[in-house]
Amino acid sequence: MTISEKIFEILDAKGISQKELSIATNIPQSTISDWRKKKTNPASDKILAICDFLGVSPYQLLSNVKEEGTRTNKANYRIVVEGTEEDQLIEAYEGLDAKARARLLGYLEALKN
């Protein structure tokens, strides 16, 4: 599946029109229409705006993600946006010694139950 096909799949699933995508991202409607007709993909400088509007991560759009939480190939890494809560957690974790890390992981395990 191409990137543009994924975009149109998400648009359809969310009931969003090409016009709404165009207005929200400042991408000409004719350009978006060309993606569908010519089976081309958006330029890389448009991807972040598209992802932001659609509420998906660049990873979800650009990778082999079938649906939320399901990948065709299991990733062995994660992408975390700087300044987010996830980033803050990782920064804090990295600042801990081994004993504190083990305790924190124990707390997290207990919270899941």
PDB file of N, CA and C in Angstrom:
ATOM      1  N   MET A   1       0.849  -1.180   0.000  1.00  0.00           N
ATOM      2  CA  MET A   1       0.000   0.000   0.000  1.00  0.00           C
ATOM      3  C   MET A   1       0.891   1.239   0.000  1.00  0.00           C
ATOM      4  N   THR A   2       0.565   2.205  -0.843  1.00  0.00           N
ATOM      5  CA  THR A   2       1.346   3.435  -0.892  1.00  0.00           C
ATOM      6  C   THR A   2       0.942   4.362   0.253  1.00  0.00           C
ATOM      7  N   ILE A   3       1.752   5.364   0.480  1.00  0.00           N
ATOM      8  CA  ILE A   3       1.450   6.342   1.525  1.00  0.00           C
ATOM      9  C   ILE A   3       0.132   7.046   1.215  1.00  0.00           C
ATOM     10  N   SER A   4      -0.043   7.441  -0.035  1.00  0.00           N
ATOM     11  CA  SER A   4      -1.284   8.144  -0.388  1.00  0.00           C
ATOM     12  C   SER A   4      -2.508   7.241  -0.200  1.00  0.00           C
ATOM     13  N   GLU A   5      -2.368   5.949  -0.509  1.00  0.00           N
ATOM     14  CA  GLU A   5      -3.487   5.033  -0.274  1.00  0.00           C
ATOM     15  C   GLU A   5      -3.824   4.957   1.209  1.00  0.00           C
ATOM     16  N   LYS A   6      -2.806   4.955   2.056  1.00  0.00           N
ATOM     17  CA  LYS A   6      -3.052   4.956   3.502  1.00  0.00           C
ATOM     18  C   LYS A   6      -3.765   6.231   3.924  1.00  0.00           C
ATOM     19  N   ILE A   7      -3.344   7.360   3.351  1.00  0.00           N
ATOM     20  CA  ILE A   7      -3.983   8.638   3.682  1.00  0.00           C
ATOM     21  C   ILE A   7      -5.468   8.577   3.334  1.00  0.00           C
ATOM     22  N   PHE A   8      -5.791   8.110   2.126  1.00  0.00           N
ATOM     23  CA  PHE A   8      -7.196   8.046   1.719  1.00  0.00           C
ATOM     24  C   PHE A   8      -7.982   7.028   2.541  1.00  0.00           C
ATOM     25  N   GLU A   9      -7.341   5.959   2.938  1.00  0.00           N
ATOM     26  CA  GLU A   9      -7.981   4.978   3.804  1.00  0.00           C
ATOM     27  C   GLU A   9      -8.348   5.606   5.149  1.00  0.00           C
ATOM     28  N   ILE A  10      -7.422   6.391   5.712  1.00  0.00           N
ATOM     29  CA  ILE A  10      -7.674   7.067   6.987  1.00  0.00           C
ATOM     30  C   ILE A  10      -8.754   8.122   6.822  1.00  0.00           C
ATOM     31  N   LEU A  11      -8.683   8.891   5.737  1.00  0.00           N
ATOM     32  CA  LEU A  11      -9.711   9.900   5.475  1.00  0.00           C
ATOM     33  C   LEU A  11     -11.096   9.246   5.430  1.00  0.00           C
ATOM     34  N   ASP A  12     -11.205   8.159   4.690  1.00  0.00           N
ATOM     35  CA  ASP A  12     -12.492   7.460   4.575  1.00  0.00           C
ATOM     36  C   ASP A  12     -12.967   6.946   5.931  1.00  0.00           C
ATOM     37  N   ALA A  13     -12.057   6.350   6.688  1.00  0.00           N
ATOM     38  CA  ALA A  13     -12.420   5.786   7.996  1.00  0.00           C
ATOM     39  C   ALA A  13     -12.895   6.871   8.958  1.00  0.00           C
ATOM     40  N   LYS A  14     -12.328   8.054   8.833  1.00  0.00           N
ATOM     41  CA  LYS A  14     -12.686   9.149   9.750  1.00  0.00           C
ATOM     42  C   LYS A  14     -13.761  10.063   9.177  1.00  0.00           C
ATOM     43  N   GLY A  15     -14.196   9.784   7.964  1.00  0.00           N
ATOM     44  CA  GLY A  15     -15.233  10.600   7.340  1.00  0.00           C
ATOM     45  C   GLY A  15     -14.767  12.010   7.023  1.00  0.00           C
ATOM     46  N   ILE A  16     -13.519  12.144   6.643  1.00  0.00           N
ATOM     47  CA  ILE A  16     -12.922  13.447   6.331  1.00  0.00           C
ATOM     48  C   ILE A  16     -12.785  13.567   4.823  1.00  0.00           C
ATOM     49  N   SER A  17     -13.146  14.705   4.290  1.00  0.00           N
ATOM     50  CA  SER A  17     -13.051  14.916   2.846  1.00  0.00           C
ATOM     51  C   SER A  17     -11.662  15.411   2.453  1.00  0.00           C
ATOM     52  N   GLN A  18     -11.366  15.275   1.164  1.00  0.00           N
ATOM     53  CA  GLN A  18     -10.106  15.794   0.636  1.00  0.00           C
ATOM     54  C   GLN A  18     -10.049  17.309   0.825  1.00  0.00           C
ATOM     55  N   LYS A  19     -11.186  17.950   0.692  1.00  0.00           N
ATOM     56  CA  LYS A  19     -11.252  19.406   0.854  1.00  0.00           C
ATOM     57  C   LYS A  19     -10.869  19.806   2.282  1.00  0.00           C
ATOM     58  N   GLU A  20     -11.367  19.067   3.263  1.00  0.00           N
ATOM     59  CA  GLU A  20     -11.028  19.356   4.658  1.00  0.00           C
ATOM     60  C   GLU A  20      -9.530  19.180   4.902  1.00  0.00           C
ATOM     61  N   LEU A  21      -8.958  18.127   4.317  1.00  0.00           N
ATOM     62  CA  LEU A  21      -7.515  17.916   4.430  1.00  0.00           C
ATOM     63  C   LEU A  21      -6.771  19.069   3.787  1.00  0.00           C
ATOM     64  N   SER A  22      -7.231  19.499   2.639  1.00  0.00           N
ATOM     65  CA  SER A  22      -6.603  20.602   1.923  1.00  0.00           C
ATOM     66  C   SER A  22      -6.613  21.884   2.747  1.00  0.00           C
ATOM     67  N   ILE A  23      -7.746  22.210   3.307  1.00  0.00           N
ATOM     68  CA  ILE A  23      -7.880  23.443   4.100  1.00  0.00           C
ATOM     69  C   ILE A  23      -6.997  23.386   5.350  1.00  0.00           C
ATOM     70  N   ALA A  24      -7.025  22.254   6.029  1.00  0.00           N
ATOM     71  CA  ALA A  24      -6.286  22.120   7.286  1.00  0.00           C
ATOM     72  C   ALA A  24      -4.776  22.116   7.097  1.00  0.00           C
ATOM     73  N   THR A  25      -4.308  21.632   5.956  1.00  0.00           N
ATOM     74  CA  THR A  25      -2.866  21.469   5.745  1.00  0.00           C
ATOM     75  C   THR A  25      -2.277  22.480   4.756  1.00  0.00           C
ATOM     76  N   ASN A  26      -3.126  23.275   4.150  1.00  0.00           N
ATOM     77  CA  ASN A  26      -2.684  24.232   3.112  1.00  0.00           C
ATOM     78  C   ASN A  26      -2.062  23.538   1.908  1.00  0.00           C
ATOM     79  N   ILE A  27      -2.504  22.317   1.652  1.00  0.00           N
ATOM     80  CA  ILE A  27      -2.074  21.582   0.463  1.00  0.00           C
ATOM     81  C   ILE A  27      -3.190  21.762  -0.568  1.00  0.00           C
ATOM     82  N   PRO A  28      -2.848  22.223  -1.766  1.00  0.00           N
ATOM     83  CA  PRO A  28      -3.903  22.422  -2.774  1.00  0.00           C
ATOM     84  C   PRO A  28      -4.712  21.150  -3.009  1.00  0.00           C
ATOM     85  N   GLN A  29      -6.013  21.334  -3.175  1.00  0.00           N
ATOM     86  CA  GLN A  29      -6.900  20.198  -3.387  1.00  0.00           C
ATOM     87  C   GLN A  29      -6.507  19.435  -4.653  1.00  0.00           C
ATOM     88  N   SER A  30      -6.010  20.146  -5.647  1.00  0.00           N
ATOM     89  CA  SER A  30      -5.593  19.492  -6.890  1.00  0.00           C
ATOM     90  C   SER A  30      -4.409  18.554  -6.643  1.00  0.00           C
ATOM     91  N   THR A  31      -3.532  18.929  -5.728  1.00  0.00           N
ATOM     92  CA  THR A  31      -2.389  18.084  -5.384  1.00  0.00           C
ATOM     93  C   THR A  31      -2.868  16.803  -4.723  1.00  0.00           C
ATOM     94  N   ILE A  32      -3.799  16.944  -3.778  1.00  0.00           N
ATOM     95  CA  ILE A  32      -4.347  15.781  -3.080  1.00  0.00           C
ATOM     96  C   ILE A  32      -5.068  14.872  -4.075  1.00  0.00           C
ATOM     97  N   SER A  33      -5.802  15.465  -4.990  1.00  0.00           N
ATOM     98  CA  SER A  33      -6.501  14.697  -6.007  1.00  0.00           C
ATOM     99  C   SER A  33      -5.513  13.937  -6.897  1.00  0.00           C
ATOM    100  N   ASP A  34      -4.388  14.566  -7.217  1.00  0.00           N
ATOM    101  CA  ASP A  34      -3.351  13.898  -8.023  1.00  0.00           C
ATOM    102  C   ASP A  34      -2.804  12.664  -7.318  1.00  0.00           C
ATOM    103  N   TRP A  35      -2.678  12.722  -5.999  1.00  0.00           N
ATOM    104  CA  TRP A  35      -2.178  11.552  -5.267  1.00  0.00           C
ATOM    105  C   TRP A  35      -3.052  10.346  -5.569  1.00  0.00           C
ATOM    106  N   ARG A  36      -4.361  10.576  -5.582  1.00  0.00           N
ATOM    107  CA  ARG A  36      -5.293   9.466  -5.813  1.00  0.00           C
ATOM    108  C   ARG A  36      -5.282   9.035  -7.274  1.00  0.00           C
ATOM    109  N   LYS A  37      -5.381   9.985  -8.176  1.00  0.00           N
ATOM    110  CA  LYS A  37      -5.479   9.669  -9.603  1.00  0.00           C
ATOM    111  C   LYS A  37      -4.184   9.073 -10.147  1.00  0.00           C
ATOM    112  N   LYS A  38      -3.067   9.676  -9.783  1.00  0.00           N
ATOM    113  CA  LYS A  38      -1.782   9.266 -10.356  1.00  0.00           C
ATOM    114  C   LYS A  38      -1.030   8.277  -9.474  1.00  0.00           C
ATOM    115  N   LYS A  39      -1.646   7.936  -8.333  1.00  0.00           N
ATOM    116  CA  LYS A  39      -1.014   7.013  -7.376  1.00  0.00           C
ATOM    117  C   LYS A  39       0.384   7.490  -6.972  1.00  0.00           C
ATOM    118  N   THR A  40       0.483   8.794  -6.734  1.00  0.00           N
ATOM    119  CA  THR A  40       1.742   9.363  -6.256  1.00  0.00           C
ATOM    120  C   THR A  40       1.632   9.615  -4.764  1.00  0.00           C
ATOM    121  N   ASN A  41       2.743   9.931  -4.141  1.00  0.00           N
ATOM    122  CA  ASN A  41       2.781  10.171  -2.702  1.00  0.00           C
ATOM    123  C   ASN A  41       3.065  11.630  -2.413  1.00  0.00           C
ATOM    124  N   PRO A  42       2.636  12.105  -1.243  1.00  0.00           N
ATOM    125  CA  PRO A  42       2.925  13.490  -0.876  1.00  0.00           C
ATOM    126  C   PRO A  42       4.425  13.708  -0.692  1.00  0.00           C
ATOM    127  N   ALA A  43       4.840  14.947  -0.908  1.00  0.00           N
ATOM    128  CA  ALA A  43       6.236  15.311  -0.666  1.00  0.00           C
ATOM    129  C   ALA A  43       6.517  15.200   0.828  1.00  0.00           C
ATOM    130  N   SER A  44       7.748  14.920   1.158  1.00  0.00           N
ATOM    131  CA  SER A  44       8.125  14.695   2.562  1.00  0.00           C
ATOM    132  C   SER A  44       7.821  15.886   3.454  1.00  0.00           C
ATOM    133  N   ASP A  45       7.854  17.098   2.915  1.00  0.00           N
ATOM    134  CA  ASP A  45       7.582  18.275   3.744  1.00  0.00           C
ATOM    135  C   ASP A  45       6.105  18.405   4.111  1.00  0.00           C
ATOM    136  N   LYS A  46       5.253  17.587   3.537  1.00  0.00           N
ATOM    137  CA  LYS A  46       3.809  17.623   3.834  1.00  0.00           C
ATOM    138  C   LYS A  46       3.397  16.565   4.857  1.00  0.00           C
ATOM    139  N   ILE A  47       4.235  15.574   5.075  1.00  0.00           N
ATOM    140  CA  ILE A  47       3.869  14.426   5.907  1.00  0.00           C
ATOM    141  C   ILE A  47       3.482  14.828   7.328  1.00  0.00           C
ATOM    142  N   LEU A  48       4.276  15.681   7.975  1.00  0.00           N
ATOM    143  CA  LEU A  48       3.972  16.041   9.367  1.00  0.00           C
ATOM    144  C   LEU A  48       2.637  16.763   9.491  1.00  0.00           C
ATOM    145  N   ALA A  49       2.343  17.665   8.557  1.00  0.00           N
ATOM    146  CA  ALA A  49       1.057  18.374   8.602  1.00  0.00           C
ATOM    147  C   ALA A  49      -0.105  17.401   8.403  1.00  0.00           C
ATOM    148  N   ILE A  50       0.073  16.456   7.498  1.00  0.00           N
ATOM    149  CA  ILE A  50      -0.966  15.457   7.246  1.00  0.00           C
ATOM    150  C   ILE A  50      -1.177  14.590   8.484  1.00  0.00           C
ATOM    151  N   CYS A  51      -0.081  14.124   9.070  1.00  0.00           N
ATOM    152  CA  CYS A  51      -0.179  13.278  10.266  1.00  0.00           C
ATOM    153  C   CYS A  51      -0.842  14.024  11.412  1.00  0.00           C
ATOM    154  N   ASP A  52      -0.455  15.279  11.595  1.00  0.00           N
ATOM    155  CA  ASP A  52      -1.024  16.085  12.673  1.00  0.00           C
ATOM    156  C   ASP A  52      -2.541  16.205  12.491  1.00  0.00           C
ATOM    157  N   PHE A  53      -2.976  16.521  11.292  1.00  0.00           N
ATOM    158  CA  PHE A  53      -4.401  16.675  11.027  1.00  0.00           C
ATOM    159  C   PHE A  53      -5.160  15.354  11.183  1.00  0.00           C
ATOM    160  N   LEU A  54      -4.561  14.267  10.704  1.00  0.00           N
ATOM    161  CA  LEU A  54      -5.245  12.970  10.764  1.00  0.00           C
ATOM    162  C   LEU A  54      -5.163  12.303  12.129  1.00  0.00           C
ATOM    163  N   GLY A  55      -4.288  12.818  13.001  1.00  0.00           N
ATOM    164  CA  GLY A  55      -4.150  12.230  14.329  1.00  0.00           C
ATOM    165  C   GLY A  55      -3.419  10.908  14.320  1.00  0.00           C
ATOM    166  N   VAL A  56      -2.464  10.763  13.401  1.00  0.00           N
ATOM    167  CA  VAL A  56      -1.642   9.559  13.346  1.00  0.00           C
ATOM    168  C   VAL A  56      -0.175   9.968  13.417  1.00  0.00           C
ATOM    169  N   SER A  57       0.668   9.048  13.800  1.00  0.00           N
ATOM    170  CA  SER A  57       2.090   9.338  13.849  1.00  0.00           C
ATOM    171  C   SER A  57       2.697   9.120  12.467  1.00  0.00           C
ATOM    172  N   PRO A  58       3.821   9.776  12.192  1.00  0.00           N
ATOM    173  CA  PRO A  58       4.509   9.500  10.928  1.00  0.00           C
ATOM    174  C   PRO A  58       4.838   8.015  10.800  1.00  0.00           C
ATOM    175  N   TYR A  59       5.176   7.380  11.914  1.00  0.00           N
ATOM    176  CA  TYR A  59       5.483   5.949  11.883  1.00  0.00           C
ATOM    177  C   TYR A  59       4.284   5.155  11.378  1.00  0.00           C
ATOM    178  N   GLN A  60       3.089   5.478  11.892  1.00  0.00           N
ATOM    179  CA  GLN A  60       1.888   4.760  11.461  1.00  0.00           C
ATOM    180  C   GLN A  60       1.638   4.956   9.969  1.00  0.00           C
ATOM    181  N   LEU A  61       1.862   6.169   9.489  1.00  0.00           N
ATOM    182  CA  LEU A  61       1.597   6.456   8.090  1.00  0.00           C
ATOM    183  C   LEU A  61       2.641   5.836   7.169  1.00  0.00           C
ATOM    184  N   LEU A  62       3.890   5.845   7.597  1.00  0.00           N
ATOM    185  CA  LEU A  62       4.979   5.434   6.716  1.00  0.00           C
ATOM    186  C   LEU A  62       5.394   3.974   6.851  1.00  0.00           C
ATOM    187  N   SER A  63       4.892   3.299   7.860  1.00  0.00           N
ATOM    188  CA  SER A  63       5.323   1.925   8.081  1.00  0.00           C
ATOM    189  C   SER A  63       4.228   0.939   7.707  1.00  0.00           C
ATOM    190  N   ASN A  64       4.463  -0.299   8.045  1.00  0.00           N
ATOM    191  CA  ASN A  64       3.523  -1.373   7.734  1.00  0.00           C
ATOM    192  C   ASN A  64       2.485  -1.561   8.832  1.00  0.00           C
ATOM    193  N   VAL A  65       1.916  -0.488   9.322  1.00  0.00           N
ATOM    194  CA  VAL A  65       0.903  -0.586  10.358  1.00  0.00           C
ATOM    195  C   VAL A  65      -0.432  -0.885   9.696  1.00  0.00           C
ATOM    196  N   LYS A  66      -1.075  -1.964  10.136  1.00  0.00           N
ATOM    197  CA  LYS A  66      -2.383  -2.316   9.601  1.00  0.00           C
ATOM    198  C   LYS A  66      -3.466  -1.479  10.267  1.00  0.00           C
ATOM    199  N   GLU A  67      -3.459  -1.454  11.571  1.00  0.00           N
ATOM    200  CA  GLU A  67      -4.443  -0.708  12.358  1.00  0.00           C
ATOM    201  C   GLU A  67      -3.808  -0.426  13.699  1.00  0.00           C
ATOM    202  N   GLU A  68      -4.456   0.336  14.522  1.00  0.00           N
ATOM    203  CA  GLU A  68      -3.892   0.725  15.810  1.00  0.00           C
ATOM    204  C   GLU A  68      -3.406  -0.494  16.574  1.00  0.00           C
ATOM    205  N   GLY A  69      -2.123  -0.509  16.874  1.00  0.00           N
ATOM    206  CA  GLY A  69      -1.557  -1.569  17.668  1.00  0.00           C
ATOM    207  C   GLY A  69      -1.229  -2.848  16.932  1.00  0.00           C
ATOM    208  N   THR A  70      -1.463  -2.908  15.639  1.00  0.00           N
ATOM    209  CA  THR A  70      -1.178  -4.117  14.893  1.00  0.00           C
ATOM    210  C   THR A  70      -0.224  -3.795  13.756  1.00  0.00           C
ATOM    211  N   ARG A  71       0.927  -4.427  13.762  1.00  0.00           N
ATOM    212  CA  ARG A  71       1.909  -4.197  12.709  1.00  0.00           C
ATOM    213  C   ARG A  71       2.083  -5.480  11.908  1.00  0.00           C
ATOM    214  N   THR A  72       2.394  -5.300  10.637  1.00  0.00           N
ATOM    215  CA  THR A  72       2.681  -6.484   9.842  1.00  0.00           C
ATOM    216  C   THR A  72       4.049  -7.028  10.207  1.00  0.00           C
ATOM    217  N   ASN A  73       4.958  -6.159  10.587  1.00  0.00           N
ATOM    218  CA  ASN A  73       6.286  -6.558  11.055  1.00  0.00           C
ATOM    219  C   ASN A  73       6.485  -5.945  12.435  1.00  0.00           C
ATOM    220  N   LYS A  74       6.883  -6.741  13.388  1.00  0.00           N
ATOM    221  CA  LYS A  74       7.080  -6.255  14.747  1.00  0.00           C
ATOM    222  C   LYS A  74       8.281  -5.328  14.785  1.00  0.00           C
ATOM    223  N   ALA A  75       8.095  -4.124  15.292  1.00  0.00           N
ATOM    224  CA  ALA A  75       9.193  -3.167  15.403  1.00  0.00           C
ATOM    225  C   ALA A  75      10.013  -3.488  16.643  1.00  0.00           C
ATOM    226  N   ASN A  76      11.299  -3.235  16.561  1.00  0.00           N
ATOM    227  CA  ASN A  76      12.155  -3.446  17.721  1.00  0.00           C
ATOM    228  C   ASN A  76      12.648  -2.111  18.257  1.00  0.00           C
ATOM    229  N   TYR A  77      11.924  -1.050  17.949  1.00  0.00           N
ATOM    230  CA  TYR A  77      12.242   0.295  18.410  1.00  0.00           C
ATOM    231  C   TYR A  77      10.962   1.118  18.448  1.00  0.00           C
ATOM    232  N   ARG A  78      11.043   2.265  19.117  1.00  0.00           N
ATOM    233  CA  ARG A  78       9.921   3.198  19.168  1.00  0.00           C
ATOM    234  C   ARG A  78      10.431   4.588  18.877  1.00  0.00           C
ATOM    235  N   ILE A  79       9.598   5.399  18.296  1.00  0.00           N
ATOM    236  CA  ILE A  79       9.929   6.789  18.056  1.00  0.00           C
ATOM    237  C   ILE A  79       9.151   7.608  19.072  1.00  0.00           C
ATOM    238  N   VAL A  80       9.866   8.459  19.798  1.00  0.00           N
ATOM    239  CA  VAL A  80       9.242   9.290  20.815  1.00  0.00           C
ATOM    240  C   VAL A  80       9.501  10.745  20.462  1.00  0.00           C
ATOM    241  N   VAL A  81       8.452  11.526  20.475  1.00  0.00           N
ATOM    242  CA  VAL A  81       8.580  12.942  20.155  1.00  0.00           C
ATOM    243  C   VAL A  81       9.129  13.682  21.369  1.00  0.00           C
ATOM    244  N   GLU A  82      10.150  14.475  21.133  1.00  0.00           N
ATOM    245  CA  GLU A  82      10.795  15.221  22.203  1.00  0.00           C
ATOM    246  C   GLU A  82       9.800  16.172  22.872  1.00  0.00           C
ATOM    247  N   GLY A  83       9.854  16.218  24.196  1.00  0.00           N
ATOM    248  CA  GLY A  83       9.000  17.116  24.965  1.00  0.00           C
ATOM    249  C   GLY A  83       7.674  16.518  25.383  1.00  0.00           C
ATOM    250  N   THR A  84       7.356  15.318  24.931  1.00  0.00           N
ATOM    251  CA  THR A  84       6.102  14.679  25.309  1.00  0.00           C
ATOM    252  C   THR A  84       6.260  13.991  26.664  1.00  0.00           C
ATOM    253  N   GLU A  85       5.158  13.513  27.219  1.00  0.00           N
ATOM    254  CA  GLU A  85       5.221  12.789  28.484  1.00  0.00           C
ATOM    255  C   GLU A  85       6.100  11.549  28.362  1.00  0.00           C
ATOM    256  N   GLU A  86       5.989  10.868  27.238  1.00  0.00           N
ATOM    257  CA  GLU A  86       6.816   9.677  27.024  1.00  0.00           C
ATOM    258  C   GLU A  86       8.301  10.037  27.064  1.00  0.00           C
ATOM    259  N   ASP A  87       8.649  11.137  26.430  1.00  0.00           N
ATOM    260  CA  ASP A  87      10.037  11.604  26.420  1.00  0.00           C
ATOM    261  C   ASP A  87      10.496  11.929  27.844  1.00  0.00           C
ATOM    262  N   GLN A  88       9.640  12.581  28.612  1.00  0.00           N
ATOM    263  CA  GLN A  88       9.984  12.932  29.993  1.00  0.00           C
ATOM    264  C   GLN A  88      10.204  11.667  30.827  1.00  0.00           C
ATOM    265  N   LEU A  89       9.367  10.662  30.620  1.00  0.00           N
ATOM    266  CA  LEU A  89       9.526   9.408  31.350  1.00  0.00           C
ATOM    267  C   LEU A  89      10.853   8.733  31.005  1.00  0.00           C
ATOM    268  N   ILE A  90      11.187   8.724  29.743  1.00  0.00           N
ATOM    269  CA  ILE A  90      12.446   8.107  29.328  1.00  0.00           C
ATOM    270  C   ILE A  90      13.634   8.873  29.908  1.00  0.00           C
ATOM    271  N   GLU A  91      13.575  10.195  29.853  1.00  0.00           N
ATOM    272  CA  GLU A  91      14.658  11.013  30.416  1.00  0.00           C
ATOM    273  C   GLU A  91      14.826  10.718  31.906  1.00  0.00           C
ATOM    274  N   ALA A  92      13.706  10.648  32.631  1.00  0.00           N
ATOM    275  CA  ALA A  92      13.775  10.382  34.064  1.00  0.00           C
ATOM    276  C   ALA A  92      14.329   8.984  34.326  1.00  0.00           C
ATOM    277  N   TYR A  93      13.867   8.012  33.557  1.00  0.00           N
ATOM    278  CA  TYR A  93      14.340   6.628  33.702  1.00  0.00           C
ATOM    279  C   TYR A  93      15.842   6.537  33.461  1.00  0.00           C
ATOM    280  N   GLU A  94      16.311   7.211  32.432  1.00  0.00           N
ATOM    281  CA  GLU A  94      17.735   7.171  32.102  1.00  0.00           C
ATOM    282  C   GLU A  94      18.600   7.782  33.203  1.00  0.00           C
ATOM    283  N   GLY A  95      18.013   8.662  34.010  1.00  0.00           N
ATOM    284  CA  GLY A  95      18.748   9.302  35.098  1.00  0.00           C
ATOM    285  C   GLY A  95      18.823   8.470  36.368  1.00  0.00           C
ATOM    286  N   LEU A  96      18.147   7.334  36.381  1.00  0.00           N
ATOM    287  CA  LEU A  96      18.113   6.481  37.566  1.00  0.00           C
ATOM    288  C   LEU A  96      19.249   5.456  37.542  1.00  0.00           C
ATOM    289  N   ASP A  97      19.654   5.037  38.736  1.00  0.00           N
ATOM    290  CA  ASP A  97      20.630   3.948  38.801  1.00  0.00           C
ATOM    291  C   ASP A  97      19.890   2.617  38.608  1.00  0.00           C
ATOM    292  N   ALA A  98      20.613   1.532  38.486  1.00  0.00           N
ATOM    293  CA  ALA A  98      20.030   0.223  38.190  1.00  0.00           C
ATOM    294  C   ALA A  98      18.999  -0.206  39.229  1.00  0.00           C
ATOM    295  N   LYS A  99      19.286   0.053  40.508  1.00  0.00           N
ATOM    296  CA  LYS A  99      18.362  -0.351  41.576  1.00  0.00           C
ATOM    297  C   LYS A  99      17.048   0.430  41.471  1.00  0.00           C
ATOM    298  N   ALA A 100      17.141   1.727  41.237  1.00  0.00           N
ATOM    299  CA  ALA A 100      15.939   2.556  41.115  1.00  0.00           C
ATOM    300  C   ALA A 100      15.143   2.170  39.870  1.00  0.00           C
ATOM    301  N   ARG A 101      15.837   1.831  38.792  1.00  0.00           N
ATOM    302  CA  ARG A 101      15.147   1.384  37.579  1.00  0.00           C
ATOM    303  C   ARG A 101      14.344   0.113  37.851  1.00  0.00           C
ATOM    304  N   ALA A 102      14.953  -0.817  38.563  1.00  0.00           N
ATOM    305  CA  ALA A 102      14.265  -2.071  38.887  1.00  0.00           C
ATOM    306  C   ALA A 102      13.031  -1.800  39.740  1.00  0.00           C
ATOM    307  N   ARG A 103      13.145  -0.896  40.711  1.00  0.00           N
ATOM    308  CA  ARG A 103      11.995  -0.550  41.557  1.00  0.00           C
ATOM    309  C   ARG A 103      10.894   0.085  40.721  1.00  0.00           C
ATOM    310  N   LEU A 104      11.267   0.993  39.840  1.00  0.00           N
ATOM    311  CA  LEU A 104      10.285   1.664  38.994  1.00  0.00           C
ATOM    312  C   LEU A 104       9.545   0.650  38.117  1.00  0.00           C
ATOM    313  N   LEU A 105      10.279  -0.273  37.518  1.00  0.00           N
ATOM    314  CA  LEU A 105       9.643  -1.301  36.696  1.00  0.00           C
ATOM    315  C   LEU A 105       8.690  -2.158  37.528  1.00  0.00           C
ATOM    316  N   GLY A 106       9.058  -2.410  38.800  1.00  0.00           N
ATOM    317  CA  GLY A 106       8.166  -3.136  39.702  1.00  0.00           C
ATOM    318  C   GLY A 106       6.886  -2.360  39.966  1.00  0.00           C
ATOM    319  N   TYR A 107       7.008  -1.050  40.195  1.00  0.00           N
ATOM    320  CA  TYR A 107       5.829  -0.199  40.396  1.00  0.00           C
ATOM    321  C   TYR A 107       4.928  -0.229  39.153  1.00  0.00           C
ATOM    322  N   LEU A 108       5.546  -0.115  37.992  1.00  0.00           N
ATOM    323  CA  LEU A 108       4.760  -0.127  36.758  1.00  0.00           C
ATOM    324  C   LEU A 108       4.020  -1.440  36.573  1.00  0.00           C
ATOM    325  N   GLU A 109       4.682  -2.531  36.881  1.00  0.00           N
ATOM    326  CA  GLU A 109       4.047  -3.841  36.771  1.00  0.00           C
ATOM    327  C   GLU A 109       2.852  -3.938  37.716  1.00  0.00           C
ATOM    328  N   ALA A 110       3.018  -3.420  38.947  1.00  0.00           N
ATOM    329  CA  ALA A 110       1.925  -3.441  39.928  1.00  0.00           C
ATOM    330  C   ALA A 110       0.754  -2.568  39.471  1.00  0.00           C
ATOM    331  N   LEU A 111       1.031  -1.458  38.809  1.00  0.00           N
ATOM    332  CA  LEU A 111      -0.028  -0.570  38.326  1.00  0.00           C
ATOM    333  C   LEU A 111      -0.858  -1.203  37.216  1.00  0.00           C
ATOM    334  N   LYS A 112      -0.245  -2.081  36.445  1.00  0.00           N
ATOM    335  CA  LYS A 112      -0.973  -2.730  35.345  1.00  0.00           C
ATOM    336  C   LYS A 112      -2.034  -3.692  35.866  1.00  0.00           C
ATOM    337  N   ASN A 113      -1.877  -4.183  37.088  1.00  0.00           N
ATOM    338  CA  ASN A 113      -2.811  -5.181  37.632  1.00  0.00           C
ATOM    339  C   ASN A 113      -3.938  -4.564  38.372  1.00  0.00           C
TER     340      ASN A 113
END
